[in-house]
């Protein structure tokens, strides 16, 4: 079992807000990314849309955690 000194991760309001922003960004960008990817790369539309949405979600999380 881990000691208290090893447990450094905490669920703060900043991280909770960043996770909410990340999830919202992913959900709002997945549909337009899917539509655009269907027109550009039909064979890999789901992969491209998922990667774009994950990139936007990562940026939203990064911005949400920045202080």
Protein backbone atom coordinates (compact mmCIF):
# COMPACT_ATOMS: atom_id res chain seq x y z
CA UNK A 1 0.00 0.00 0.00
CA UNK A 2 1.24 3.47 -0.85
CA UNK A 3 2.16 5.85 1.90
CA UNK A 4 0.64 9.31 2.21
CA UNK A 5 3.84 10.96 1.00
CA UNK A 6 3.55 9.12 -2.32
CA UNK A 7 -0.01 10.26 -3.01
CA UNK A 8 0.54 13.63 -4.68
CA UNK A 9 -2.34 13.61 -7.19
CA UNK A 10 -5.36 15.62 -6.11
CA UNK A 11 -8.65 16.28 -7.79
CA UNK A 12 -8.85 20.07 -7.74
CA UNK A 13 -11.39 22.49 -9.15
CA UNK A 14 -8.88 23.44 -11.84
CA UNK A 15 -8.48 19.85 -13.01
CA UNK A 16 -12.22 19.23 -12.84
CA UNK A 17 -12.82 22.31 -14.99
CA UNK A 18 -10.12 21.23 -17.41
CA UNK A 19 -11.68 17.78 -17.75
CA UNK A 20 -15.08 19.35 -18.37
CA UNK A 21 -13.59 21.66 -21.00
CA UNK A 22 -11.78 18.75 -22.62
CA UNK A 23 -14.91 16.59 -22.75
CA UNK A 24 -17.00 19.44 -24.12
CA UNK A 25 -14.39 20.23 -26.77
CA UNK A 26 -14.27 16.59 -27.84
CA UNK A 27 -18.05 16.32 -28.13
CA UNK A 28 -18.45 19.61 -29.99
CA UNK A 29 -15.66 18.93 -32.49
CA UNK A 30 -16.36 15.27 -33.24
CA UNK A 31 -19.39 15.89 -35.47
CA UNK A 32 -17.85 18.63 -37.67
CA UNK A 33 -14.62 16.67 -37.85
CA UNK A 34 -16.54 13.60 -38.97
CA UNK A 35 -18.35 15.55 -41.71
CA UNK A 36 -15.12 17.11 -42.97
CA UNK A 37 -13.23 13.83 -42.84
CA UNK A 38 -16.00 12.10 -44.82
CA UNK A 39 -15.40 14.54 -47.67
CA UNK A 40 -11.62 14.49 -47.54
CA UNK A 41 -10.65 10.91 -46.58
CA UNK A 42 -13.65 8.63 -46.79
CA UNK A 43 -11.68 5.46 -46.00
CA UNK A 44 -10.19 6.83 -42.78
CA UNK A 45 -12.95 9.22 -41.74
CA UNK A 46 -13.47 7.82 -38.25
CA UNK A 47 -9.76 7.69 -37.50
CA UNK A 48 -9.14 11.23 -38.73
CA UNK A 49 -12.15 12.60 -36.86
CA UNK A 50 -11.11 10.88 -33.64
CA UNK A 51 -7.54 12.18 -33.88
CA UNK A 52 -8.68 15.73 -34.58
CA UNK A 53 -11.18 15.63 -31.72
CA UNK A 54 -8.58 14.22 -29.34
CA UNK A 55 -6.12 16.94 -30.33
CA UNK A 56 -8.70 19.65 -29.64
CA UNK A 57 -9.60 17.99 -26.33
CA UNK A 58 -5.93 17.88 -25.33
CA UNK A 59 -5.51 21.57 -26.12
CA UNK A 60 -8.65 22.41 -24.12
CA UNK A 61 -7.33 20.40 -21.16
CA UNK A 62 -3.93 22.08 -21.40
CA UNK A 63 -5.52 25.54 -21.50
CA UNK A 64 -7.84 24.60 -18.63
CA UNK A 65 -4.93 23.51 -16.42
CA UNK A 66 -2.76 26.55 -17.25
CA UNK A 67 -2.56 29.08 -14.50
